[in-house]
Amino acid sequence: MTKVLGMGNALVDVLAVIENDKILELLGLPKGSMQLIDETKLEIISKEINKLDKSIVSGGSASNTIIGLASLNVETGFLGRIGSDFYGTYYKEDLKKHHVKSHLTEVNEASGVASTFISKDGERTFGTYLGAAALLHADELEANDFKEYDYFYIEGYLVQSHDLIKKAIVLAKEAGAKIILDMASYNVVEANRDFLLEIIPRYVDIVFANEEEAKALFSLEPEEAVSEIAKQVDTAIVKTGEKGSWIQQGDEKVFVPALKVNCVDTTGAGDLYAAGFIYGLIHNCPLSACGRIGTLLAANVIEAIGAKIEENKWSRLHQDIKKLI
């Protein structure tokens, strides 16, 4: 059976819907961005978010994708760091609940928290305190973590740690895994463009990006960007939000339109799209079917707050996916 290992920031999401975007200006958080914050800024943000109606869920981009795949009965694992505290325990138990093999290390630091503000148009803005998640270091990675996995999925937020990414990619390649990179955030791409252009053609097999991330990488519109990325990797995907997604493999290029649904919160849309797409790849589906499965999962996660599809939806989704394969 095909197995997928994810590596990412082990974060707990604290989510709140905001009436308008003034609070983002007040807190110095550009709308739609992911800003890394320190403990002092976390305290300021927490004070404001605690005034709002909020919910707590385990998150982190790669973890969302891995749990999505696990919910589709794919064997999965997750590699990351948590603190020995309430949030760390919550995170560990959530992986266990979803039958994800844990490659977590506990450290004596506060666990990572992503304060997530959801605007009325569904756009989300993150103030991310990495805490223990940032203690994922290259010299702590072990070859055994990567054995028996066929795909290694990396969230782009980790790209800021160049040594970690290089070591992980080399170990995964030595274990025979294909490398999947999700770009994660346009500002991360902007800050690490040279590094990405170095590692993508050399190591990466599959790239997921949205149109802002693709533009930050190549200054091209989505259709042209997907072709440029596809010159360097086996499979390229550029998502265009409510319009759909461009997918290219070699000379084959397809466009898969998005599904029209009531968008409540876009958190997790890209993560669940990736889960669906990878599921399609595992089952040797055509590119268009992979895109449709990804689109189906993305459409279902944005209908409610949070980065996970509601448990009661999965049995129906399994049936809908069978029709797409």
C-alpha atoms as a PDB file:
ATOM      1  CA  MET A   1       0.000   0.000   0.000  1.00  0.00           C
ATOM      2  CA  THR A   2       1.249   3.485  -0.886  1.00  0.00           C
ATOM      3  CA  LYS A   3       2.322   5.547   2.124  1.00  0.00           C
ATOM      4  CA  VAL A   4       2.679   9.317   2.472  1.00  0.00           C
ATOM      5  CA  LEU A   5       4.843  11.108   5.047  1.00  0.00           C
ATOM      6  CA  GLY A   6       4.232  14.773   5.789  1.00  0.00           C
ATOM      7  CA  MET A   7       6.613  17.206   7.448  1.00  0.00           C
ATOM      8  CA  GLY A   8       5.492  20.554   8.747  1.00  0.00           C
ATOM      9  CA  ASN A   9       4.919  22.922  11.601  1.00  0.00           C
ATOM     10  CA  ALA A  10       2.856  21.166  14.277  1.00  0.00           C
ATOM     11  CA  LEU A  11       0.487  24.006  15.077  1.00  0.00           C
ATOM     12  CA  VAL A  12      -2.807  24.352  16.880  1.00  0.00           C
ATOM     13  CA  ASP A  13      -5.120  26.774  15.093  1.00  0.00           C
ATOM     14  CA  VAL A  14      -7.112  29.303  17.115  1.00  0.00           C
ATOM     15  CA  LEU A  15      -9.732  30.545  14.654  1.00  0.00           C
ATOM     16  CA  ALA A  16     -12.038  33.553  14.811  1.00  0.00           C
ATOM     17  CA  VAL A  17     -14.347  35.228  12.293  1.00  0.00           C
ATOM     18  CA  ILE A  18     -13.933  39.018  12.154  1.00  0.00           C
ATOM     19  CA  GLU A  19     -16.631  41.563  11.287  1.00  0.00           C
ATOM     20  CA  ASN A  20     -14.231  43.739   9.301  1.00  0.00           C
ATOM     21  CA  ASP A  21     -10.528  43.935   8.542  1.00  0.00           C
ATOM     22  CA  LYS A  22      -9.703  46.831  10.867  1.00  0.00           C
ATOM     23  CA  ILE A  23      -8.375  44.427  13.496  1.00  0.00           C
ATOM     24  CA  LEU A  24      -5.796  43.189  10.963  1.00  0.00           C
ATOM     25  CA  GLU A  25      -4.521  46.740  10.505  1.00  0.00           C
ATOM     26  CA  LEU A  26      -4.492  47.229  14.279  1.00  0.00           C
ATOM     27  CA  LEU A  27      -2.371  44.093  14.744  1.00  0.00           C
ATOM     28  CA  GLY A  28      -0.125  44.782  11.752  1.00  0.00           C
ATOM     29  CA  LEU A  29      -1.153  41.636   9.868  1.00  0.00           C
ATOM     30  CA  PRO A  30      -1.440  42.069   6.057  1.00  0.00           C
ATOM     31  CA  LYS A  31      -4.676  40.459   4.897  1.00  0.00           C
ATOM     32  CA  GLY A  32      -4.144  37.011   3.387  1.00  0.00           C
ATOM     33  CA  SER A  33      -0.589  36.655   4.697  1.00  0.00           C
ATOM     34  CA  MET A  34       1.147  34.381   7.182  1.00  0.00           C
ATOM     35  CA  GLN A  35       3.305  36.424   9.550  1.00  0.00           C
ATOM     36  CA  LEU A  36       5.700  34.788  11.999  1.00  0.00           C
ATOM     37  CA  ILE A  37       5.346  36.394  15.438  1.00  0.00           C
ATOM     38  CA  ASP A  38       7.221  36.303  18.729  1.00  0.00           C
ATOM     39  CA  GLU A  39       5.855  35.609  22.208  1.00  0.00           C
ATOM     40  CA  THR A  40       5.184  39.300  22.888  1.00  0.00           C
ATOM     41  CA  LYS A  41       3.131  39.672  19.691  1.00  0.00           C
ATOM     42  CA  LEU A  42       1.313  36.423  20.510  1.00  0.00           C
ATOM     43  CA  GLU A  43       0.171  37.907  23.808  1.00  0.00           C
ATOM     44  CA  ILE A  44      -1.154  41.018  22.023  1.00  0.00           C
ATOM     45  CA  ILE A  45      -2.967  38.967  19.376  1.00  0.00           C
ATOM     46  CA  SER A  46      -4.338  36.517  21.954  1.00  0.00           C
ATOM     47  CA  LYS A  47      -5.794  39.409  23.938  1.00  0.00           C
ATOM     48  CA  GLU A  48      -7.733  40.544  20.847  1.00  0.00           C
ATOM     49  CA  ILE A  49      -8.754  37.089  19.599  1.00  0.00           C
ATOM     50  CA  ASN A  50     -10.035  36.151  23.060  1.00  0.00           C
ATOM     51  CA  LYS A  51     -12.625  38.932  22.708  1.00  0.00           C
ATOM     52  CA  LEU A  52     -14.064  37.080  19.703  1.00  0.00           C
ATOM     53  CA  ASP A  53     -16.015  33.855  19.301  1.00  0.00           C
ATOM     54  CA  LYS A  54     -13.166  31.411  18.628  1.00  0.00           C
ATOM     55  CA  SER A  55     -12.563  27.713  18.070  1.00  0.00           C
ATOM     56  CA  ILE A  56      -9.470  25.530  18.570  1.00  0.00           C
ATOM     57  CA  VAL A  57      -8.400  22.765  16.164  1.00  0.00           C
ATOM     58  CA  SER A  58      -5.130  21.028  15.370  1.00  0.00           C
ATOM     59  CA  GLY A  59      -3.600  22.467  12.226  1.00  0.00           C
ATOM     60  CA  GLY A  60      -0.473  23.172  10.260  1.00  0.00           C
ATOM     61  CA  SER A  61      -0.563  22.931   6.479  1.00  0.00           C
ATOM     62  CA  ALA A  62       1.116  19.534   6.022  1.00  0.00           C
ATOM     63  CA  SER A  63      -0.814  18.024   8.912  1.00  0.00           C
ATOM     64  CA  ASN A  64      -4.123  19.120   7.347  1.00  0.00           C
ATOM     65  CA  THR A  65      -3.151  17.377   4.102  1.00  0.00           C
ATOM     66  CA  ILE A  66      -1.966  14.232   5.862  1.00  0.00           C
ATOM     67  CA  ILE A  67      -5.144  13.952   7.950  1.00  0.00           C
ATOM     68  CA  GLY A  68      -7.179  14.439   4.758  1.00  0.00           C
ATOM     69  CA  LEU A  69      -5.320  11.535   3.150  1.00  0.00           C
ATOM     70  CA  ALA A  70      -5.747   9.414   6.283  1.00  0.00           C
ATOM     71  CA  SER A  71      -9.496  10.087   6.118  1.00  0.00           C
ATOM     72  CA  LEU A  72      -9.365   8.593   2.606  1.00  0.00           C
ATOM     73  CA  ASN A  73      -7.763   5.438   4.071  1.00  0.00           C
ATOM     74  CA  VAL A  74      -4.241   6.210   2.837  1.00  0.00           C
ATOM     75  CA  GLU A  75      -1.445   5.115   5.196  1.00  0.00           C
ATOM     76  CA  THR A  76       0.235   8.260   6.485  1.00  0.00           C
ATOM     77  CA  GLY A  77       2.785   9.621   8.927  1.00  0.00           C
ATOM     78  CA  PHE A  78       3.642  13.070  10.226  1.00  0.00           C
ATOM     79  CA  LEU A  79       7.044  14.459  11.220  1.00  0.00           C
ATOM     80  CA  GLY A  80       7.207  17.467  13.526  1.00  0.00           C
ATOM     81  CA  ARG A  81       7.835  18.899  17.010  1.00  0.00           C
ATOM     82  CA  ILE A  82       5.415  19.720  19.817  1.00  0.00           C
ATOM     83  CA  GLY A  83       5.715  21.072  23.335  1.00  0.00           C
ATOM     84  CA  SER A  84       4.885  19.162  26.509  1.00  0.00           C
ATOM     85  CA  ASP A  85       1.773  21.226  27.194  1.00  0.00           C
ATOM     86  CA  PHE A  86      -2.001  21.314  26.604  1.00  0.00           C
ATOM     87  CA  TYR A  87      -1.696  22.200  22.906  1.00  0.00           C
ATOM     88  CA  GLY A  88       0.994  19.559  22.333  1.00  0.00           C
ATOM     89  CA  THR A  89      -1.114  16.830  23.927  1.00  0.00           C
ATOM     90  CA  TYR A  90      -4.153  17.981  21.926  1.00  0.00           C
ATOM     91  CA  TYR A  91      -2.130  17.768  18.718  1.00  0.00           C
ATOM     92  CA  LYS A  92      -0.706  14.309  19.443  1.00  0.00           C
ATOM     93  CA  GLU A  93      -4.123  12.891  20.325  1.00  0.00           C
ATOM     94  CA  ASP A  94      -5.626  14.317  17.134  1.00  0.00           C
ATOM     95  CA  LEU A  95      -3.060  12.508  14.960  1.00  0.00           C
ATOM     96  CA  LYS A  96      -3.808   9.297  16.855  1.00  0.00           C
ATOM     97  CA  LYS A  97      -7.543   9.777  16.385  1.00  0.00           C
ATOM     98  CA  HIS A  98      -7.066  10.028  12.621  1.00  0.00           C
ATOM     99  CA  HIS A  99      -4.743   6.962  12.476  1.00  0.00           C
ATOM    100  CA  VAL A 100      -1.697   8.975  11.412  1.00  0.00           C
ATOM    101  CA  LYS A 101       1.633   7.444  12.460  1.00  0.00           C
ATOM    102  CA  SER A 102       3.394   9.906  14.727  1.00  0.00           C
ATOM    103  CA  HIS A 103       6.990  10.929  14.113  1.00  0.00           C
ATOM    104  CA  LEU A 104       6.629  13.693  16.703  1.00  0.00           C
ATOM    105  CA  THR A 105       9.272  14.774  19.165  1.00  0.00           C
ATOM    106  CA  GLU A 106       8.222  16.473  22.405  1.00  0.00           C
ATOM    107  CA  VAL A 107      10.393  19.303  23.728  1.00  0.00           C
ATOM    108  CA  ASN A 108      10.234  21.505  26.798  1.00  0.00           C
ATOM    109  CA  GLU A 109       8.901  24.557  24.946  1.00  0.00           C
ATOM    110  CA  ALA A 110       5.470  26.052  24.318  1.00  0.00           C
ATOM    111  CA  SER A 111       3.686  24.405  21.379  1.00  0.00           C
ATOM    112  CA  GLY A 112       3.107  26.336  18.176  1.00  0.00           C
ATOM    113  CA  VAL A 113      -0.098  28.349  17.828  1.00  0.00           C
ATOM    114  CA  ALA A 114      -1.517  29.894  14.653  1.00  0.00           C
ATOM    115  CA  SER A 115      -3.935  32.721  15.413  1.00  0.00           C
ATOM    116  CA  THR A 116      -6.222  32.721  12.387  1.00  0.00           C
ATOM    117  CA  PHE A 117      -8.483  35.648  11.492  1.00  0.00           C
ATOM    118  CA  ILE A 118     -11.225  34.838   8.988  1.00  0.00           C
ATOM    119  CA  SER A 119     -12.573  37.799   7.023  1.00  0.00           C
ATOM    120  CA  LYS A 120     -16.180  37.977   5.794  1.00  0.00           C
ATOM    121  CA  ASP A 121     -15.062  37.047   2.271  1.00  0.00           C
ATOM    122  CA  GLY A 122     -13.505  33.809   3.625  1.00  0.00           C
ATOM    123  CA  GLU A 123      -9.916  35.042   3.306  1.00  0.00           C
ATOM    124  CA  ARG A 124      -7.712  34.030   6.232  1.00  0.00           C
ATOM    125  CA  THR A 125      -4.802  35.835   7.839  1.00  0.00           C
ATOM    126  CA  PHE A 126      -2.328  34.136  10.168  1.00  0.00           C
ATOM    127  CA  GLY A 127      -0.213  35.375  13.043  1.00  0.00           C
ATOM    128  CA  THR A 128       1.913  32.302  13.682  1.00  0.00           C
ATOM    129  CA  TYR A 129       3.920  31.645  16.846  1.00  0.00           C
ATOM    130  CA  LEU A 130       6.053  28.640  15.956  1.00  0.00           C
ATOM    131  CA  GLY A 131       7.201  27.781  19.472  1.00  0.00           C
ATOM    132  CA  ALA A 132       8.235  24.131  19.652  1.00  0.00           C
ATOM    133  CA  ALA A 133       7.437  23.625  15.950  1.00  0.00           C
ATOM    134  CA  ALA A 134      10.451  25.772  15.061  1.00  0.00           C
ATOM    135  CA  LEU A 135      12.738  23.355  16.902  1.00  0.00           C
ATOM    136  CA  LEU A 136      12.579  20.920  14.005  1.00  0.00           C
ATOM    137  CA  HIS A 137      16.284  20.869  13.114  1.00  0.00           C
ATOM    138  CA  ALA A 138      18.226  19.152  10.347  1.00  0.00           C
ATOM    139  CA  ASP A 139      20.535  17.275  12.742  1.00  0.00           C
ATOM    140  CA  GLU A 140      17.544  15.665  14.476  1.00  0.00           C
ATOM    141  CA  LEU A 141      16.235  13.979  11.324  1.00  0.00           C
ATOM    142  CA  GLU A 142      16.867  10.240  11.062  1.00  0.00           C
ATOM    143  CA  ALA A 143      16.817   7.993   8.013  1.00  0.00           C
ATOM    144  CA  ASN A 144      14.401   5.616   9.769  1.00  0.00           C
ATOM    145  CA  ASP A 145      11.695   8.301   9.769  1.00  0.00           C
ATOM    146  CA  PHE A 146      11.564   8.140   5.954  1.00  0.00           C
ATOM    147  CA  LYS A 147      11.688   4.399   5.386  1.00  0.00           C
ATOM    148  CA  GLU A 148       8.736   2.688   3.677  1.00  0.00           C
ATOM    149  CA  TYR A 149       7.142   5.961   2.530  1.00  0.00           C
ATOM    150  CA  ASP A 150       6.456   6.450  -1.182  1.00  0.00           C
ATOM    151  CA  TYR A 151       5.762  10.193  -1.070  1.00  0.00           C
ATOM    152  CA  PHE A 152       7.258  12.906   1.129  1.00  0.00           C
ATOM    153  CA  TYR A 153       5.058  16.005   1.421  1.00  0.00           C
ATOM    154  CA  ILE A 154       6.651  19.249   2.629  1.00  0.00           C
ATOM    155  CA  GLU A 155       4.746  22.371   3.579  1.00  0.00           C
ATOM    156  CA  GLY A 156       6.313  25.515   2.189  1.00  0.00           C
ATOM    157  CA  TYR A 157       6.365  27.290   5.540  1.00  0.00           C
ATOM    158  CA  LEU A 158       9.402  25.154   6.416  1.00  0.00           C
ATOM    159  CA  VAL A 159      11.322  26.451   3.388  1.00  0.00           C
ATOM    160  CA  GLN A 160      12.695  29.216   5.590  1.00  0.00           C
ATOM    161  CA  SER A 161      14.876  26.554   7.259  1.00  0.00           C
ATOM    162  CA  HIS A 162      17.180  25.718   4.346  1.00  0.00           C
ATOM    163  CA  ASP A 163      19.347  23.134   6.131  1.00  0.00           C
ATOM    164  CA  LEU A 164      16.275  21.260   7.376  1.00  0.00           C
ATOM    165  CA  ILE A 165      14.712  21.103   3.913  1.00  0.00           C
ATOM    166  CA  LYS A 166      17.907  19.922   2.216  1.00  0.00           C
ATOM    167  CA  LYS A 167      18.553  17.191   4.794  1.00  0.00           C
ATOM    168  CA  ALA A 168      14.946  15.983   4.695  1.00  0.00           C
ATOM    169  CA  ILE A 169      14.838  15.887   0.902  1.00  0.00           C
ATOM    170  CA  VAL A 170      18.090  13.924   0.690  1.00  0.00           C
ATOM    171  CA  LEU A 171      16.914  11.373   3.280  1.00  0.00           C
ATOM    172  CA  ALA A 172      13.543  11.006   1.544  1.00  0.00           C
ATOM    173  CA  LYS A 173      15.185  10.533  -1.857  1.00  0.00           C
ATOM    174  CA  GLU A 174      17.564   7.934  -0.409  1.00  0.00           C
ATOM    175  CA  ALA A 175      14.494   6.107   0.930  1.00  0.00           C
ATOM    176  CA  GLY A 176      13.004   6.107  -2.581  1.00  0.00           C
ATOM    177  CA  ALA A 177      10.240   8.647  -1.993  1.00  0.00           C
ATOM    178  CA  LYS A 178       8.917  11.215  -4.448  1.00  0.00           C
ATOM    179  CA  ILE A 179       9.099  14.784  -3.152  1.00  0.00           C
ATOM    180  CA  ILE A 180       5.997  16.983  -3.028  1.00  0.00           C
ATOM    181  CA  LEU A 181       6.335  20.671  -2.177  1.00  0.00           C
ATOM    182  CA  ASP A 182       3.422  22.978  -1.374  1.00  0.00           C
ATOM    183  CA  MET A 183       4.446  26.639  -1.673  1.00  0.00           C
ATOM    184  CA  ALA A 184       2.273  27.655   1.317  1.00  0.00           C
ATOM    185  CA  SER A 185       2.468  31.481   1.222  1.00  0.00           C
ATOM    186  CA  TYR A 186       3.452  34.190  -1.268  1.00  0.00           C
ATOM    187  CA  ASN A 187       5.586  36.044   1.273  1.00  0.00           C
ATOM    188  CA  VAL A 188       7.527  32.865   2.084  1.00  0.00           C
ATOM    189  CA  VAL A 189       8.158  32.389  -1.658  1.00  0.00           C
ATOM    190  CA  GLU A 190       9.317  35.996  -2.049  1.00  0.00           C
ATOM    191  CA  ALA A 191      11.769  35.667   0.852  1.00  0.00           C
ATOM    192  CA  ASN A 192      13.200  32.322  -0.309  1.00  0.00           C
ATOM    193  CA  ARG A 193      12.933  32.557  -4.098  1.00  0.00           C
ATOM    194  CA  ASP A 194      16.576  31.788  -4.868  1.00  0.00           C
ATOM    195  CA  PHE A 195      16.578  28.752  -2.591  1.00  0.00           C
ATOM    196  CA  LEU A 196      13.359  27.425  -4.176  1.00  0.00           C
ATOM    197  CA  LEU A 197      14.760  27.861  -7.677  1.00  0.00           C
ATOM    198  CA  GLU A 198      17.804  25.875  -6.543  1.00  0.00           C
ATOM    199  CA  ILE A 199      16.017  22.890  -4.968  1.00  0.00           C
ATOM    200  CA  ILE A 200      12.912  22.524  -7.165  1.00  0.00           C
ATOM    201  CA  PRO A 201      14.583  21.348 -10.404  1.00  0.00           C
ATOM    202  CA  ARG A 202      17.113  19.253  -8.517  1.00  0.00           C
ATOM    203  CA  TYR A 203      14.930  17.413  -6.000  1.00  0.00           C
ATOM    204  CA  VAL A 204      11.191  18.097  -6.278  1.00  0.00           C
ATOM    205  CA  ASP A 205       8.743  15.916  -8.247  1.00  0.00           C
ATOM    206  CA  ILE A 206       5.418  17.668  -7.614  1.00  0.00           C
ATOM    207  CA  VAL A 207       4.735  21.345  -6.860  1.00  0.00           C
ATOM    208  CA  PHE A 208       1.508  22.890  -5.557  1.00  0.00           C
ATOM    209  CA  ALA A 209       1.168  26.692  -5.707  1.00  0.00           C
ATOM    210  CA  ASN A 210      -1.629  29.228  -5.776  1.00  0.00           C
ATOM    211  CA  GLU A 211      -1.586  32.108  -8.246  1.00  0.00           C
ATOM    212  CA  GLU A 212       0.053  34.576  -5.812  1.00  0.00           C
ATOM    213  CA  GLU A 213       2.797  32.095  -4.950  1.00  0.00           C
ATOM    214  CA  ALA A 214       3.369  31.242  -8.622  1.00  0.00           C
ATOM    215  CA  LYS A 215       3.601  34.946  -9.443  1.00  0.00           C
ATOM    216  CA  ALA A 216       6.098  35.471  -6.607  1.00  0.00           C
ATOM    217  CA  LEU A 217       8.223  32.668  -8.071  1.00  0.00           C
ATOM    218  CA  PHE A 218       8.090  33.496 -11.795  1.00  0.00           C
ATOM    219  CA  SER A 219       6.168  36.792 -12.239  1.00  0.00           C
ATOM    220  CA  LEU A 220       3.739  34.967 -14.536  1.00  0.00           C
ATOM    221  CA  GLU A 221      -0.029  34.503 -14.687  1.00  0.00           C
ATOM    222  CA  PRO A 222      -1.348  31.052 -13.661  1.00  0.00           C
ATOM    223  CA  GLU A 223      -1.522  29.336 -17.055  1.00  0.00           C
ATOM    224  CA  GLU A 224       1.981  30.454 -18.025  1.00  0.00           C
ATOM    225  CA  ALA A 225       3.324  29.795 -14.509  1.00  0.00           C
ATOM    226  CA  VAL A 226       2.149  26.178 -14.442  1.00  0.00           C
ATOM    227  CA  SER A 227       4.000  25.548 -17.710  1.00  0.00           C
ATOM    228  CA  GLU A 228       7.172  27.145 -16.367  1.00  0.00           C
ATOM    229  CA  ILE A 229       7.033  25.033 -13.189  1.00  0.00           C
ATOM    230  CA  ALA A 230       6.265  21.906 -15.249  1.00  0.00           C
ATOM    231  CA  LYS A 231       9.586  22.360 -17.078  1.00  0.00           C
ATOM    232  CA  GLN A 232      11.347  21.713 -13.780  1.00  0.00           C
ATOM    233  CA  VAL A 233       9.215  18.996 -12.131  1.00  0.00           C
ATOM    234  CA  ASP A 234       7.119  15.985 -13.093  1.00  0.00           C
ATOM    235  CA  THR A 235       3.768  17.522 -12.122  1.00  0.00           C
ATOM    236  CA  ALA A 236       2.826  21.165 -11.530  1.00  0.00           C
ATOM    237  CA  ILE A 237      -0.396  22.535 -10.063  1.00  0.00           C
ATOM    238  CA  VAL A 238      -1.350  26.217  -9.861  1.00  0.00           C
ATOM    239  CA  LYS A 239      -4.614  26.943  -8.038  1.00  0.00           C
ATOM    240  CA  THR A 240      -6.666  30.012  -8.902  1.00  0.00           C
ATOM    241  CA  GLY A 241      -9.104  30.149  -5.991  1.00  0.00           C
ATOM    242  CA  GLU A 242     -12.760  30.298  -6.965  1.00  0.00           C
ATOM    243  CA  LYS A 243     -11.893  29.903 -10.664  1.00  0.00           C
ATOM    244  CA  GLY A 244     -10.192  26.496 -10.460  1.00  0.00           C
ATOM    245  CA  SER A 245      -6.739  25.023 -11.054  1.00  0.00           C
ATOM    246  CA  TRP A 246      -4.199  24.555 -13.837  1.00  0.00           C
ATOM    247  CA  ILE A 247      -2.382  21.209 -13.903  1.00  0.00           C
ATOM    248  CA  GLN A 248       0.476  20.195 -16.165  1.00  0.00           C
ATOM    249  CA  GLN A 249       2.562  17.060 -16.608  1.00  0.00           C
ATOM    250  CA  GLY A 250       4.961  17.116 -19.541  1.00  0.00           C
ATOM    251  CA  ASP A 251       3.029  18.483 -22.521  1.00  0.00           C
ATOM    252  CA  GLU A 252      -0.372  17.607 -21.030  1.00  0.00           C
ATOM    253  CA  LYS A 253      -2.080  20.640 -19.504  1.00  0.00           C
ATOM    254  CA  VAL A 254      -5.619  20.724 -18.113  1.00  0.00           C
ATOM    255  CA  PHE A 255      -7.831  23.223 -16.331  1.00  0.00           C
ATOM    256  CA  VAL A 256     -10.252  22.010 -13.664  1.00  0.00           C
ATOM    257  CA  PRO A 257     -12.944  24.533 -12.676  1.00  0.00           C
ATOM    258  CA  ALA A 258     -13.789  25.078  -9.019  1.00  0.00           C
ATOM    259  CA  LEU A 259     -17.115  23.992  -7.559  1.00  0.00           C
ATOM    260  CA  LYS A 260     -19.574  26.715  -6.618  1.00  0.00           C
ATOM    261  CA  VAL A 261     -20.240  26.475  -2.877  1.00  0.00           C
ATOM    262  CA  ASN A 262     -20.964  28.823   0.012  1.00  0.00           C
ATOM    263  CA  CYS A 263     -17.491  29.813   1.194  1.00  0.00           C
ATOM    264  CA  VAL A 264     -17.352  30.391   4.953  1.00  0.00           C
ATOM    265  CA  ASP A 265     -13.604  30.021   5.568  1.00  0.00           C
ATOM    266  CA  THR A 266     -10.844  29.290   3.043  1.00  0.00           C
ATOM    267  CA  THR A 267      -8.562  27.825   5.742  1.00  0.00           C
ATOM    268  CA  GLY A 268      -7.406  24.411   4.576  1.00  0.00           C
ATOM    269  CA  ALA A 269      -8.653  24.734   0.988  1.00  0.00           C
ATOM    270  CA  GLY A 270      -5.209  24.282  -0.531  1.00  0.00           C
ATOM    271  CA  ASP A 271      -4.291  21.590   1.998  1.00  0.00           C
ATOM    272  CA  LEU A 272      -7.348  19.476   1.231  1.00  0.00           C
ATOM    273  CA  TYR A 273      -6.977  20.080  -2.508  1.00  0.00           C
ATOM    274  CA  ALA A 274      -3.489  18.578  -2.193  1.00  0.00           C
ATOM    275  CA  ALA A 275      -4.878  15.600  -0.250  1.00  0.00           C
ATOM    276  CA  GLY A 276      -7.429  14.873  -2.965  1.00  0.00           C
ATOM    277  CA  PHE A 277      -4.945  15.348  -5.785  1.00  0.00           C
ATOM    278  CA  ILE A 278      -2.374  13.042  -4.166  1.00  0.00           C
ATOM    279  CA  TYR A 279      -5.098  10.440  -3.568  1.00  0.00           C
ATOM    280  CA  GLY A 280      -5.839  10.550  -7.294  1.00  0.00           C
ATOM    281  CA  LEU A 281      -2.154  10.131  -8.154  1.00  0.00           C
ATOM    282  CA  ILE A 282      -1.866   7.146  -5.821  1.00  0.00           C
ATOM    283  CA  HIS A 283      -4.783   5.525  -7.658  1.00  0.00           C
ATOM    284  CA  ASN A 284      -3.291   6.277 -11.103  1.00  0.00           C
ATOM    285  CA  CYS A 285      -6.079   8.649 -12.082  1.00  0.00           C
ATOM    286  CA  PRO A 286      -5.801  11.010 -15.083  1.00  0.00           C
ATOM    287  CA  LEU A 287      -4.696  14.572 -14.240  1.00  0.00           C
ATOM    288  CA  SER A 288      -8.225  15.911 -14.668  1.00  0.00           C
ATOM    289  CA  ALA A 289      -9.625  13.350 -12.205  1.00  0.00           C
ATOM    290  CA  CYS A 290      -6.871  14.152  -9.688  1.00  0.00           C
ATOM    291  CA  GLY A 291      -7.848  17.817  -9.980  1.00  0.00           C
ATOM    292  CA  ARG A 292     -11.544  17.063  -9.576  1.00  0.00           C
ATOM    293  CA  ILE A 293     -10.947  15.013  -6.412  1.00  0.00           C
ATOM    294  CA  GLY A 294      -8.815  17.836  -5.003  1.00  0.00           C
ATOM    295  CA  THR A 295     -11.473  20.376  -5.971  1.00  0.00           C
ATOM    296  CA  LEU A 296     -14.188  18.289  -4.305  1.00  0.00           C
ATOM    297  CA  LEU A 297     -12.329  18.156  -0.986  1.00  0.00           C
ATOM    298  CA  ALA A 298     -11.428  21.857  -1.149  1.00  0.00           C
ATOM    299  CA  ALA A 299     -15.069  22.761  -1.774  1.00  0.00           C
ATOM    300  CA  ASN A 300     -16.170  20.741   1.246  1.00  0.00           C
ATOM    301  CA  VAL A 301     -13.649  22.199   3.690  1.00  0.00           C
ATOM    302  CA  ILE A 302     -14.469  25.843   2.885  1.00  0.00           C
ATOM    303  CA  GLU A 303     -18.134  25.367   3.764  1.00  0.00           C
ATOM    304  CA  ALA A 304     -17.329  25.449   7.491  1.00  0.00           C
ATOM    305  CA  ILE A 305     -14.820  27.093   9.817  1.00  0.00           C
ATOM    306  CA  GLY A 306     -11.523  25.257  10.208  1.00  0.00           C
ATOM    307  CA  ALA A 307      -9.043  23.318   8.111  1.00  0.00           C
ATOM    308  CA  LYS A 308     -10.676  19.906   8.417  1.00  0.00           C
ATOM    309  CA  ILE A 309     -13.695  18.433   6.683  1.00  0.00           C
ATOM    310  CA  GLU A 310     -16.502  17.630   9.109  1.00  0.00           C
ATOM    311  CA  GLU A 311     -16.512  13.956  10.129  1.00  0.00           C
ATOM    312  CA  ASN A 312     -20.088  13.368   8.960  1.00  0.00           C
ATOM    313  CA  LYS A 313     -19.173  14.290   5.370  1.00  0.00           C
ATOM    314  CA  TRP A 314     -16.528  11.642   4.746  1.00  0.00           C
ATOM    315  CA  SER A 315     -18.766   8.637   3.998  1.00  0.00           C
ATOM    316  CA  ARG A 316     -20.548  10.598   1.245  1.00  0.00           C
ATOM    317  CA  LEU A 317     -17.224  11.927  -0.067  1.00  0.00           C
ATOM    318  CA  HIS A 318     -15.884   8.377  -0.386  1.00  0.00           C
ATOM    319  CA  GLN A 319     -18.841   7.580  -2.645  1.00  0.00           C
ATOM    320  CA  ASP A 320     -18.450  10.768  -4.683  1.00  0.00           C
ATOM    321  CA  ILE A 321     -14.742  10.095  -5.214  1.00  0.00           C
ATOM    322  CA  LYS A 322     -15.439   6.586  -6.491  1.00  0.00           C
ATOM    323  CA  LYS A 323     -17.495   8.167  -9.273  1.00  0.00           C
ATOM    324  CA  LEU A 324     -14.569  10.413 -10.235  1.00  0.00           C
ATOM    325  CA  ILE A 325     -11.922   7.684 -10.402  1.00  0.00           C
END
